[in-house]
Amino acid sequence: MTRNEILRVERYLQTKFRNTDIALRQDPQLKGALEVCLGDEFIGTLYRDDDEGEISYAFSMVILELDVPRSL
């Protein structure tokens, strides 16, 4: 992805989730994907898909059971 495209998607996520701490970062280990971070914490990955000229983005976030509170 180009830098401009990354910034556009980053701004979209910040607006959608009402949180300016969301940042997209490139990681050479992630071929074709970006890290999605909340502050300094890695929270998921973002993938770009180009299907016959129609571009979409997929955000994937894994939540470990041990991170989920046992009760409300």
C-alpha atoms as a PDB file:
ATOM      1  CA  MET A   1       0.000   0.000   0.000  1.00  0.00           C
ATOM      2  CA  THR A   2       1.137   3.524  -0.638  1.00  0.00           C
ATOM      3  CA  ARG A   3       1.720   5.895   2.272  1.00  0.00           C
ATOM      4  CA  ASN A   4      -1.288   7.968   1.197  1.00  0.00           C
ATOM      5  CA  GLU A   5      -3.524   4.885   1.151  1.00  0.00           C
ATOM      6  CA  ILE A   6      -2.307   3.832   4.602  1.00  0.00           C
ATOM      7  CA  LEU A   7      -3.075   7.285   5.997  1.00  0.00           C
ATOM      8  CA  ARG A   8      -6.567   7.270   4.430  1.00  0.00           C
ATOM      9  CA  VAL A   9      -7.437   3.878   5.927  1.00  0.00           C
ATOM     10  CA  GLU A  10      -5.896   4.861   9.277  1.00  0.00           C
ATOM     11  CA  ARG A  11      -8.040   8.022   9.370  1.00  0.00           C
ATOM     12  CA  TYR A  12     -11.131   5.947   8.507  1.00  0.00           C
ATOM     13  CA  LEU A  13     -10.480   3.565  11.416  1.00  0.00           C
ATOM     14  CA  GLN A  14      -9.821   6.452  13.811  1.00  0.00           C
ATOM     15  CA  THR A  15     -13.092   8.088  12.799  1.00  0.00           C
ATOM     16  CA  LYS A  16     -15.144   4.873  12.793  1.00  0.00           C
ATOM     17  CA  PHE A  17     -13.924   3.819  16.253  1.00  0.00           C
ATOM     18  CA  ARG A  18     -13.670   7.390  17.564  1.00  0.00           C
ATOM     19  CA  ASN A  19     -10.098   6.826  18.694  1.00  0.00           C
ATOM     20  CA  THR A  20      -7.095   8.750  17.382  1.00  0.00           C
ATOM     21  CA  ASP A  21      -4.723   6.292  19.105  1.00  0.00           C
ATOM     22  CA  ILE A  22      -5.293   3.773  16.287  1.00  0.00           C
ATOM     23  CA  ALA A  23      -2.247   3.534  14.029  1.00  0.00           C
ATOM     24  CA  LEU A  24      -1.307   1.401  11.031  1.00  0.00           C
ATOM     25  CA  ARG A  25       2.304   0.274  10.875  1.00  0.00           C
ATOM     26  CA  GLN A  26       4.263  -1.573   8.255  1.00  0.00           C
ATOM     27  CA  ASP A  27       6.149  -4.673   9.391  1.00  0.00           C
ATOM     28  CA  PRO A  28       8.520  -6.393   6.956  1.00  0.00           C
ATOM     29  CA  GLN A  29       7.547  -9.747   8.498  1.00  0.00           C
ATOM     30  CA  LEU A  30       3.905  -9.255   7.448  1.00  0.00           C
ATOM     31  CA  LYS A  31       3.924  -9.611   3.687  1.00  0.00           C
ATOM     32  CA  GLY A  32       0.877  -7.825   2.258  1.00  0.00           C
ATOM     33  CA  ALA A  33      -0.491  -6.779   5.637  1.00  0.00           C
ATOM     34  CA  LEU A  34      -0.179  -3.956   8.150  1.00  0.00           C
ATOM     35  CA  GLU A  35      -0.145  -4.010  11.930  1.00  0.00           C
ATOM     36  CA  VAL A  36      -3.082  -2.286  13.595  1.00  0.00           C
ATOM     37  CA  CYS A  37      -2.024  -0.756  16.901  1.00  0.00           C
ATOM     38  CA  LEU A  38      -3.870   0.972  19.705  1.00  0.00           C
ATOM     39  CA  GLY A  39      -1.234   3.204  21.201  1.00  0.00           C
ATOM     40  CA  ASP A  40       1.783   0.920  21.631  1.00  0.00           C
ATOM     41  CA  GLU A  41      -0.289  -2.284  21.725  1.00  0.00           C
ATOM     42  CA  PHE A  42      -0.612  -4.513  18.657  1.00  0.00           C
ATOM     43  CA  ILE A  43      -4.301  -5.411  18.286  1.00  0.00           C
ATOM     44  CA  GLY A  44      -4.598  -6.957  14.823  1.00  0.00           C
ATOM     45  CA  THR A  45      -3.739  -6.976  11.162  1.00  0.00           C
ATOM     46  CA  LEU A  46      -5.138  -5.208   8.136  1.00  0.00           C
ATOM     47  CA  TYR A  47      -5.141  -6.822   4.705  1.00  0.00           C
ATOM     48  CA  ARG A  48      -5.760  -5.191   1.333  1.00  0.00           C
ATOM     49  CA  ASP A  49      -7.626  -7.103  -1.358  1.00  0.00           C
ATOM     50  CA  ASP A  50      -7.771  -6.069  -5.005  1.00  0.00           C
ATOM     51  CA  ASP A  51     -10.401  -8.157  -6.795  1.00  0.00           C
ATOM     52  CA  GLU A  52     -10.676  -7.123 -10.436  1.00  0.00           C
ATOM     53  CA  GLY A  53     -10.062  -3.479  -9.572  1.00  0.00           C
ATOM     54  CA  GLU A  54     -12.391  -3.396  -6.556  1.00  0.00           C
ATOM     55  CA  ILE A  55     -10.302  -2.689  -3.488  1.00  0.00           C
ATOM     56  CA  SER A  56     -11.356  -3.696   0.013  1.00  0.00           C
ATOM     57  CA  TYR A  57      -9.650  -3.939   3.384  1.00  0.00           C
ATOM     58  CA  ALA A  58     -10.053  -6.647   6.012  1.00  0.00           C
ATOM     59  CA  PHE A  59      -9.253  -5.999   9.664  1.00  0.00           C
ATOM     60  CA  SER A  60      -8.554  -9.130  11.714  1.00  0.00           C
ATOM     61  CA  MET A  61      -8.352  -9.057  15.509  1.00  0.00           C
ATOM     62  CA  VAL A  62      -7.750 -12.101  17.689  1.00  0.00           C
ATOM     63  CA  ILE A  63      -9.003 -11.961  21.272  1.00  0.00           C
ATOM     64  CA  LEU A  64      -7.500 -14.497  23.646  1.00  0.00           C
ATOM     65  CA  GLU A  65      -9.885 -16.082  26.125  1.00  0.00           C
ATOM     66  CA  LEU A  66      -7.499 -15.286  28.980  1.00  0.00           C
ATOM     67  CA  ASP A  67      -7.849 -11.549  28.172  1.00  0.00           C
ATOM     68  CA  VAL A  68     -11.661 -11.627  28.489  1.00  0.00           C
ATOM     69  CA  PRO A  69     -13.033 -10.869  31.983  1.00  0.00           C
ATOM     70  CA  ARG A  70     -14.720 -13.869  33.622  1.00  0.00           C
ATOM     71  CA  SER A  71     -17.669 -11.828  34.883  1.00  0.00           C
ATOM     72  CA  LEU A  72     -19.301  -8.487  34.221  1.00  0.00           C
END
